[in-house]
Amino acid sequence: AKKWPATGGVVDLRDEARRARLMAITPVG
């Protein structure tokens, strides 16, 4: 929500497909 302004500051990760896409591009740190 903070990294991508296009989200409007709110992100819902209850959807498995959406969180899989985010996890793929997010550093483990």
Full PDB file with SEQRES, HELIX, SHEET, SSBOND, CRYST1, ORIGX, SCALE, CONECT and MASTER records, all heavy atoms in Angstrom:
SEQRES   1 A   29  ALA LYS LYS TRP PRO ALA THR GLY GLY VAL VAL ASP LEU          
SEQRES   2 A   29  ARG ASP GLU ALA ARG ARG ALA ARG LEU MET ALA ILE THR          
SEQRES   3 A   29  PRO VAL GLY                                                  
HELIX    1 AA1 PRO A    5  THR A    7  5                                   3    
HELIX    2 AA2 GLU A   16  ILE A   25  1                                  10    
CRYST1    1.000    1.000    1.000  90.00  90.00  90.00 P 1           1          
ORIGX1      1.000000  0.000000  0.000000        0.00000                         
ORIGX2      0.000000  1.000000  0.000000        0.00000                         
ORIGX3      0.000000  0.000000  1.000000        0.00000                         
SCALE1      1.000000  0.000000  0.000000        0.00000                         
SCALE2      0.000000  1.000000  0.000000        0.00000                         
SCALE3      0.000000  0.000000  1.000000        0.00000                         
ATOM      1  N   ALA A   1       0.829  -1.210   0.000  1.00  0.00           N  
ATOM      2  CA  ALA A   1       0.000   0.000   0.000  1.00  0.00           C  
ATOM      3  C   ALA A   1       0.860   1.255   0.000  1.00  0.00           C  
ATOM      4  O   ALA A   1       0.491   2.272  -0.594  1.00  0.00           O  
ATOM      5  CB  ALA A   1      -0.935  -0.012   1.201  1.00  0.00           C  
ATOM      6  N   LYS A   2       2.003   1.196   0.659  1.00  0.00           N  
ATOM      7  CA  LYS A   2       2.893   2.352   0.711  1.00  0.00           C  
ATOM      8  C   LYS A   2       3.796   2.440  -0.516  1.00  0.00           C  
ATOM      9  O   LYS A   2       4.119   3.541  -0.974  1.00  0.00           O  
ATOM     10  CB  LYS A   2       3.750   2.295   1.980  1.00  0.00           C  
ATOM     11  CG  LYS A   2       2.980   2.566   3.259  1.00  0.00           C  
ATOM     12  CD  LYS A   2       3.909   2.653   4.440  1.00  0.00           C  
ATOM     13  CE  LYS A   2       3.205   3.114   5.680  1.00  0.00           C  
ATOM     14  NZ  LYS A   2       4.110   3.276   6.840  1.00  0.00           N  
ATOM     15  N   LYS A   3       4.198   1.316  -1.033  1.00  0.00           N  
ATOM     16  CA  LYS A   3       5.164   1.300  -2.131  1.00  0.00           C  
ATOM     17  C   LYS A   3       4.542   1.735  -3.460  1.00  0.00           C  
ATOM     18  O   LYS A   3       5.176   2.424  -4.248  1.00  0.00           O  
ATOM     19  CB  LYS A   3       5.788  -0.093  -2.281  1.00  0.00           C  
ATOM     20  CG  LYS A   3       6.900  -0.155  -3.333  1.00  0.00           C  
ATOM     21  CD  LYS A   3       7.599  -1.484  -3.304  1.00  0.00           C  
ATOM     22  CE  LYS A   3       8.704  -1.542  -4.371  1.00  0.00           C  
ATOM     23  NZ  LYS A   3       9.784  -0.534  -4.106  1.00  0.00           N  
ATOM     24  N   TRP A   4       3.299   1.352  -3.685  1.00  0.00           N  
ATOM     25  CA  TRP A   4       2.662   1.655  -4.964  1.00  0.00           C  
ATOM     26  C   TRP A   4       1.481   2.603  -4.768  1.00  0.00           C  
ATOM     27  O   TRP A   4       0.391   2.192  -4.319  1.00  0.00           O  
ATOM     28  CB  TRP A   4       2.206   0.368  -5.650  1.00  0.00           C  
ATOM     29  CG  TRP A   4       3.365  -0.449  -6.142  1.00  0.00           C  
ATOM     30  CD1 TRP A   4       4.161  -0.160  -7.226  1.00  0.00           C  
ATOM     31  CD2 TRP A   4       3.880  -1.658  -5.578  1.00  0.00           C  
ATOM     32  NE1 TRP A   4       5.136  -1.130  -7.361  1.00  0.00           N  
ATOM     33  CE2 TRP A   4       4.995  -2.065  -6.377  1.00  0.00           C  
ATOM     34  CE3 TRP A   4       3.513  -2.452  -4.495  1.00  0.00           C  
ATOM     35  CZ2 TRP A   4       5.736  -3.203  -6.105  1.00  0.00           C  
ATOM     36  CZ3 TRP A   4       4.259  -3.581  -4.225  1.00  0.00           C  
ATOM     37  CH2 TRP A   4       5.352  -3.955  -5.029  1.00  0.00           C  
ATOM     38  N   PRO A   5       1.651   3.891  -5.107  1.00  0.00           N  
ATOM     39  CA  PRO A   5       0.586   4.877  -4.923  1.00  0.00           C  
ATOM     40  C   PRO A   5      -0.710   4.544  -5.651  1.00  0.00           C  
ATOM     41  O   PRO A   5      -1.793   4.969  -5.233  1.00  0.00           O  
ATOM     42  CB  PRO A   5       1.212   6.170  -5.487  1.00  0.00           C  
ATOM     43  CG  PRO A   5       2.694   5.948  -5.390  1.00  0.00           C  
ATOM     44  CD  PRO A   5       2.891   4.485  -5.615  1.00  0.00           C  
ATOM     45  N   ALA A   6      -0.602   3.760  -6.728  1.00  0.00           N  
ATOM     46  CA  ALA A   6      -1.792   3.407  -7.498  1.00  0.00           C  
ATOM     47  C   ALA A   6      -2.801   2.607  -6.687  1.00  0.00           C  
ATOM     48  O   ALA A   6      -3.979   2.532  -7.049  1.00  0.00           O  
ATOM     49  CB  ALA A   6      -1.404   2.617  -8.750  1.00  0.00           C  
ATOM     50  N   THR A   7      -2.350   2.019  -5.574  1.00  0.00           N  
ATOM     51  CA  THR A   7      -3.257   1.258  -4.711  1.00  0.00           C  
ATOM     52  C   THR A   7      -4.196   2.161  -3.925  1.00  0.00           C  
ATOM     53  O   THR A   7      -5.163   1.678  -3.321  1.00  0.00           O  
ATOM     54  CB  THR A   7      -2.475   0.395  -3.728  1.00  0.00           C  
ATOM     55  OG1 THR A   7      -1.701   1.250  -2.854  1.00  0.00           O  
ATOM     56  CG2 THR A   7      -1.540  -0.568  -4.469  1.00  0.00           C  
ATOM     57  N   GLY A   8      -3.920   3.460  -3.912  1.00  0.00           N  
ATOM     58  CA  GLY A   8      -4.724   4.373  -3.094  1.00  0.00           C  
ATOM     59  C   GLY A   8      -4.486   4.211  -1.614  1.00  0.00           C  
ATOM     60  O   GLY A   8      -5.286   4.658  -0.786  1.00  0.00           O  
ATOM     61  N   GLY A   9      -3.379   3.574  -1.262  1.00  0.00           N  
ATOM     62  CA  GLY A   9      -3.023   3.406   0.143  1.00  0.00           C  
ATOM     63  C   GLY A   9      -3.720   2.276   0.855  1.00  0.00           C  
ATOM     64  O   GLY A   9      -3.584   2.135   2.080  1.00  0.00           O  
ATOM     65  N   VAL A  10      -4.468   1.419   0.108  1.00  0.00           N  
ATOM     66  CA  VAL A  10      -5.166   0.283   0.716  1.00  0.00           C  
ATOM     67  C   VAL A  10      -4.949  -0.956  -0.149  1.00  0.00           C  
ATOM     68  O   VAL A  10      -5.198  -0.920  -1.364  1.00  0.00           O  
ATOM     69  CB  VAL A  10      -6.679   0.539   0.855  1.00  0.00           C  
ATOM     70  CG1 VAL A  10      -7.365  -0.660   1.517  1.00  0.00           C  
ATOM     71  CG2 VAL A  10      -6.941   1.805   1.655  1.00  0.00           C  
ATOM     72  N   VAL A  11      -4.475  -2.044   0.455  1.00  0.00           N  
ATOM     73  CA  VAL A  11      -4.261  -3.302  -0.261  1.00  0.00           C  
ATOM     74  C   VAL A  11      -4.874  -4.440   0.548  1.00  0.00           C  
ATOM     75  O   VAL A  11      -4.624  -4.561   1.744  1.00  0.00           O  
ATOM     76  CB  VAL A  11      -2.766  -3.574  -0.508  1.00  0.00           C  
ATOM     77  CG1 VAL A  11      -2.551  -4.979  -1.053  1.00  0.00           C  
ATOM     78  CG2 VAL A  11      -2.190  -2.542  -1.474  1.00  0.00           C  
ATOM     79  N   ASP A  12      -5.654  -5.276  -0.126  1.00  0.00           N  
ATOM     80  CA  ASP A  12      -6.289  -6.449   0.478  1.00  0.00           C  
ATOM     81  C   ASP A  12      -5.653  -7.704  -0.102  1.00  0.00           C  
ATOM     82  O   ASP A  12      -5.734  -7.953  -1.313  1.00  0.00           O  
ATOM     83  CB  ASP A  12      -7.797  -6.434   0.188  1.00  0.00           C  
ATOM     84  CG  ASP A  12      -8.552  -7.550   0.904  1.00  0.00           C  
ATOM     85  OD1 ASP A  12      -7.910  -8.462   1.469  1.00  0.00           O  
ATOM     86  OD2 ASP A  12      -9.809  -7.512   0.895  1.00  0.00           O  
ATOM     87  N   LEU A  13      -5.000  -8.505   0.753  1.00  0.00           N  
ATOM     88  CA  LEU A  13      -4.309  -9.710   0.306  1.00  0.00           C  
ATOM     89  C   LEU A  13      -5.029 -10.988   0.701  1.00  0.00           C  
ATOM     90  O   LEU A  13      -4.417 -12.048   0.826  1.00  0.00           O  
ATOM     91  CB  LEU A  13      -2.878  -9.745   0.867  1.00  0.00           C  
ATOM     92  CG  LEU A  13      -1.863  -8.791   0.225  1.00  0.00           C  
ATOM     93  CD1 LEU A  13      -0.470  -9.050   0.800  1.00  0.00           C  
ATOM     94  CD2 LEU A  13      -1.831  -8.936  -1.282  1.00  0.00           C  
ATOM     95  N   ARG A  14      -6.334 -10.932   0.853  1.00  0.00           N  
ATOM     96  CA  ARG A  14      -7.059 -12.164   1.160  1.00  0.00           C  
ATOM     97  C   ARG A  14      -7.168 -13.071  -0.060  1.00  0.00           C  
ATOM     98  O   ARG A  14      -7.366 -14.278   0.082  1.00  0.00           O  
ATOM     99  CB  ARG A  14      -8.451 -11.829   1.706  1.00  0.00           C  
ATOM    100  CG  ARG A  14      -8.436 -11.228   3.110  1.00  0.00           C  
ATOM    101  CD  ARG A  14      -9.831 -10.836   3.559  1.00  0.00           C  
ATOM    102  NE  ARG A  14     -10.414  -9.828   2.691  1.00  0.00           N  
ATOM    103  CZ  ARG A  14     -11.702  -9.577   2.591  1.00  0.00           C  
ATOM    104  NH1 ARG A  14     -12.568 -10.271   3.287  1.00  0.00           N  
ATOM    105  NH2 ARG A  14     -12.144  -8.626   1.758  1.00  0.00           N  
ATOM    106  N   ASP A  15      -7.053 -12.514  -1.235  1.00  0.00           N  
ATOM    107  CA  ASP A  15      -7.102 -13.309  -2.460  1.00  0.00           C  
ATOM    108  C   ASP A  15      -5.745 -13.964  -2.710  1.00  0.00           C  
ATOM    109  O   ASP A  15      -4.722 -13.292  -2.811  1.00  0.00           O  
ATOM    110  CB  ASP A  15      -7.483 -12.418  -3.653  1.00  0.00           C  
ATOM    111  CG  ASP A  15      -7.537 -13.191  -4.955  1.00  0.00           C  
ATOM    112  OD1 ASP A  15      -8.508 -13.952  -5.153  1.00  0.00           O  
ATOM    113  OD2 ASP A  15      -6.604 -13.035  -5.770  1.00  0.00           O  
ATOM    114  N   GLU A  16      -5.720 -15.291  -2.823  1.00  0.00           N  
ATOM    115  CA  GLU A  16      -4.472 -16.035  -2.958  1.00  0.00           C  
ATOM    116  C   GLU A  16      -3.722 -15.667  -4.222  1.00  0.00           C  
ATOM    117  O   GLU A  16      -2.492 -15.562  -4.220  1.00  0.00           O  
ATOM    118  CB  GLU A  16      -4.750 -17.537  -2.925  1.00  0.00           C  
ATOM    119  CG  GLU A  16      -5.212 -18.057  -1.560  1.00  0.00           C  
ATOM    120  CD  GLU A  16      -5.295 -19.570  -1.518  1.00  0.00           C  
ATOM    121  OE1 GLU A  16      -4.570 -20.217  -2.310  1.00  0.00           O  
ATOM    122  OE2 GLU A  16      -6.051 -20.111  -0.704  1.00  0.00           O  
ATOM    123  N   ALA A  17      -4.419 -15.482  -5.331  1.00  0.00           N  
ATOM    124  CA  ALA A  17      -3.756 -15.147  -6.591  1.00  0.00           C  
ATOM    125  C   ALA A  17      -3.068 -13.785  -6.489  1.00  0.00           C  
ATOM    126  O   ALA A  17      -1.941 -13.605  -6.980  1.00  0.00           O  
ATOM    127  CB  ALA A  17      -4.765 -15.161  -7.735  1.00  0.00           C  
ATOM    128  N   ARG A  18      -3.723 -12.838  -5.863  1.00  0.00           N  
ATOM    129  CA  ARG A  18      -3.142 -11.502  -5.723  1.00  0.00           C  
ATOM    130  C   ARG A  18      -1.894 -11.529  -4.847  1.00  0.00           C  
ATOM    131  O   ARG A  18      -0.888 -10.901  -5.172  1.00  0.00           O  
ATOM    132  CB  ARG A  18      -4.168 -10.533  -5.156  1.00  0.00           C  
ATOM    133  CG  ARG A  18      -3.709  -9.084  -5.208  1.00  0.00           C  
ATOM    134  CD  ARG A  18      -4.717  -8.125  -4.613  1.00  0.00           C  
ATOM    135  NE  ARG A  18      -4.385  -6.748  -4.969  1.00  0.00           N  
ATOM    136  CZ  ARG A  18      -4.918  -5.681  -4.412  1.00  0.00           C  
ATOM    137  NH1 ARG A  18      -5.859  -5.820  -3.469  1.00  0.00           N  
ATOM    138  NH2 ARG A  18      -4.558  -4.464  -4.785  1.00  0.00           N  
ATOM    139  N   ARG A  19      -1.968 -12.243  -3.739  1.00  0.00           N  
ATOM    140  CA  ARG A  19      -0.782 -12.263  -2.881  1.00  0.00           C  
ATOM    141  C   ARG A  19       0.353 -13.073  -3.501  1.00  0.00           C  
ATOM    142  O   ARG A  19       1.508 -12.762  -3.263  1.00  0.00           O  
ATOM    143  CB  ARG A  19      -1.122 -12.768  -1.487  1.00  0.00           C  
ATOM    144  CG  ARG A  19      -1.630 -14.078  -1.265  1.00  0.00           C  
ATOM    145  CD  ARG A  19      -1.802 -14.327   0.241  1.00  0.00           C  
ATOM    146  NE  ARG A  19      -2.252 -15.636   0.581  1.00  0.00           N  
ATOM    147  CZ  ARG A  19      -3.455 -15.930   1.062  1.00  0.00           C  
ATOM    148  NH1 ARG A  19      -4.343 -14.984   1.243  1.00  0.00           N  
ATOM    149  NH2 ARG A  19      -3.790 -17.166   1.360  1.00  0.00           N  
ATOM    150  N   ALA A  20       0.045 -14.043  -4.365  1.00  0.00           N  
ATOM    151  CA  ALA A  20       1.102 -14.771  -5.061  1.00  0.00           C  
ATOM    152  C   ALA A  20       1.861 -13.827  -5.996  1.00  0.00           C  
ATOM    153  O   ALA A  20       3.092 -13.894  -6.093  1.00  0.00           O  
ATOM    154  CB  ALA A  20       0.517 -15.949  -5.827  1.00  0.00           C  
ATOM    155  N   ARG A  21       1.139 -12.943  -6.686  1.00  0.00           N  
ATOM    156  CA  ARG A  21       1.786 -11.983  -7.582  1.00  0.00           C  
ATOM    157  C   ARG A  21       2.677 -11.018  -6.803  1.00  0.00           C  
ATOM    158  O   ARG A  21       3.775 -10.684  -7.239  1.00  0.00           O  
ATOM    159  CB  ARG A  21       0.726 -11.216  -8.368  1.00  0.00           C  
ATOM    160  CG  ARG A  21      -0.022 -12.044  -9.399  1.00  0.00           C  
ATOM    161  CD  ARG A  21      -0.818 -11.176 -10.369  1.00  0.00           C  
ATOM    162  NE  ARG A  21      -1.860 -10.410  -9.694  1.00  0.00           N  
ATOM    163  CZ  ARG A  21      -3.104 -10.856  -9.502  1.00  0.00           C  
ATOM    164  NH1 ARG A  21      -3.450 -12.079  -9.928  1.00  0.00           N  
ATOM    165  NH2 ARG A  21      -4.002 -10.096  -8.895  1.00  0.00           N  
ATOM    166  N   LEU A  22       2.186 -10.575  -5.644  1.00  0.00           N  
ATOM    167  CA  LEU A  22       2.972  -9.658  -4.823  1.00  0.00           C  
ATOM    168  C   LEU A  22       4.206 -10.343  -4.257  1.00  0.00           C  
ATOM    169  O   LEU A  22       5.302  -9.778  -4.254  1.00  0.00           O  
ATOM    170  CB  LEU A  22       2.113  -9.099  -3.693  1.00  0.00           C  
ATOM    171  CG  LEU A  22       2.827  -8.185  -2.689  1.00  0.00           C  
ATOM    172  CD1 LEU A  22       3.391  -6.950  -3.376  1.00  0.00           C  
ATOM    173  CD2 LEU A  22       1.880  -7.785  -1.547  1.00  0.00           C  
ATOM    174  N   MET A  23       4.044 -11.573  -3.779  1.00  0.00           N  
ATOM    175  CA  MET A  23       5.159 -12.301  -3.192  1.00  0.00           C  
ATOM    176  C   MET A  23       6.282 -12.525  -4.196  1.00  0.00           C  
ATOM    177  O   MET A  23       7.456 -12.528  -3.843  1.00  0.00           O  
ATOM    178  CB  MET A  23       4.681 -13.637  -2.633  1.00  0.00           C  
ATOM    179  CG  MET A  23       3.818 -13.513  -1.381  1.00  0.00           C  
ATOM    180  SD  MET A  23       3.248 -15.142  -0.807  1.00  0.00           S  
ATOM    181  CE  MET A  23       2.268 -14.677   0.625  1.00  0.00           C  
ATOM    182  N   ALA A  24       5.922 -12.704  -5.456  1.00  0.00           N  
ATOM    183  CA  ALA A  24       6.925 -12.972  -6.482  1.00  0.00           C  
ATOM    184  C   ALA A  24       7.847 -11.784  -6.736  1.00  0.00           C  
ATOM    185  O   ALA A  24       8.985 -11.960  -7.164  1.00  0.00           O  
ATOM    186  CB  ALA A  24       6.237 -13.391  -7.781  1.00  0.00           C  
ATOM    187  N   ILE A  25       7.375 -10.561  -6.452  1.00  0.00           N  
ATOM    188  CA  ILE A  25       8.170  -9.361  -6.740  1.00  0.00           C  
ATOM    189  C   ILE A  25       8.641  -8.647  -5.479  1.00  0.00           C  
ATOM    190  O   ILE A  25       9.239  -7.567  -5.567  1.00  0.00           O  
ATOM    191  CB  ILE A  25       7.376  -8.372  -7.625  1.00  0.00           C  
ATOM    192  CG1 ILE A  25       6.095  -7.918  -6.918  1.00  0.00           C  
ATOM    193  CG2 ILE A  25       7.051  -9.006  -8.980  1.00  0.00           C  
ATOM    194  CD1 ILE A  25       5.331  -6.833  -7.664  1.00  0.00           C  
ATOM    195  N   THR A  26       8.408  -9.254  -4.320  1.00  0.00           N  
ATOM    196  CA  THR A  26       8.801  -8.623  -3.064  1.00  0.00           C  
ATOM    197  C   THR A  26      10.037  -9.301  -2.496  1.00  0.00           C  
ATOM    198  O   THR A  26      10.048 -10.522  -2.304  1.00  0.00           O  
ATOM    199  CB  THR A  26       7.658  -8.686  -2.030  1.00  0.00           C  
ATOM    200  OG1 THR A  26       6.489  -8.068  -2.570  1.00  0.00           O  
ATOM    201  CG2 THR A  26       8.066  -7.966  -0.747  1.00  0.00           C  
ATOM    202  N   PRO A  27      11.120  -8.551  -2.204  1.00  0.00           N  
ATOM    203  CA  PRO A  27      12.330  -9.142  -1.622  1.00  0.00           C  
ATOM    204  C   PRO A  27      12.039  -9.798  -0.280  1.00  0.00           C  
ATOM    205  O   PRO A  27      11.204  -9.315   0.494  1.00  0.00           O  
ATOM    206  CB  PRO A  27      13.268  -7.942  -1.464  1.00  0.00           C  
ATOM    207  CG  PRO A  27      12.747  -6.903  -2.402  1.00  0.00           C  
ATOM    208  CD  PRO A  27      11.265  -7.102  -2.459  1.00  0.00           C  
ATOM    209  N   VAL A  28      12.723 -10.876   0.005  1.00  0.00           N  
ATOM    210  CA  VAL A  28      12.486 -11.630   1.231  1.00  0.00           C  
ATOM    211  C   VAL A  28      12.759 -10.771   2.466  1.00  0.00           C  
ATOM    212  O   VAL A  28      12.152 -10.975   3.531  1.00  0.00           O  
ATOM    213  CB  VAL A  28      13.338 -12.923   1.247  1.00  0.00           C  
ATOM    214  CG1 VAL A  28      14.833 -12.599   1.410  1.00  0.00           C  
ATOM    215  CG2 VAL A  28      12.868 -13.890   2.313  1.00  0.00           C  
ATOM    216  N   GLY A  29      13.656  -9.786   2.361  1.00  0.00           N  
ATOM    217  CA  GLY A  29      13.973  -8.931   3.495  1.00  0.00           C  
ATOM    218  C   GLY A  29      12.853  -8.012   3.928  1.00  0.00           C  
ATOM    219  O   GLY A  29      12.927  -7.396   4.997  1.00  0.00           O  
TER     220      GLY A  29                                                      
MASTER        0    0    0    2    0    0    0    6  219    1    0    3          
END                                                                             
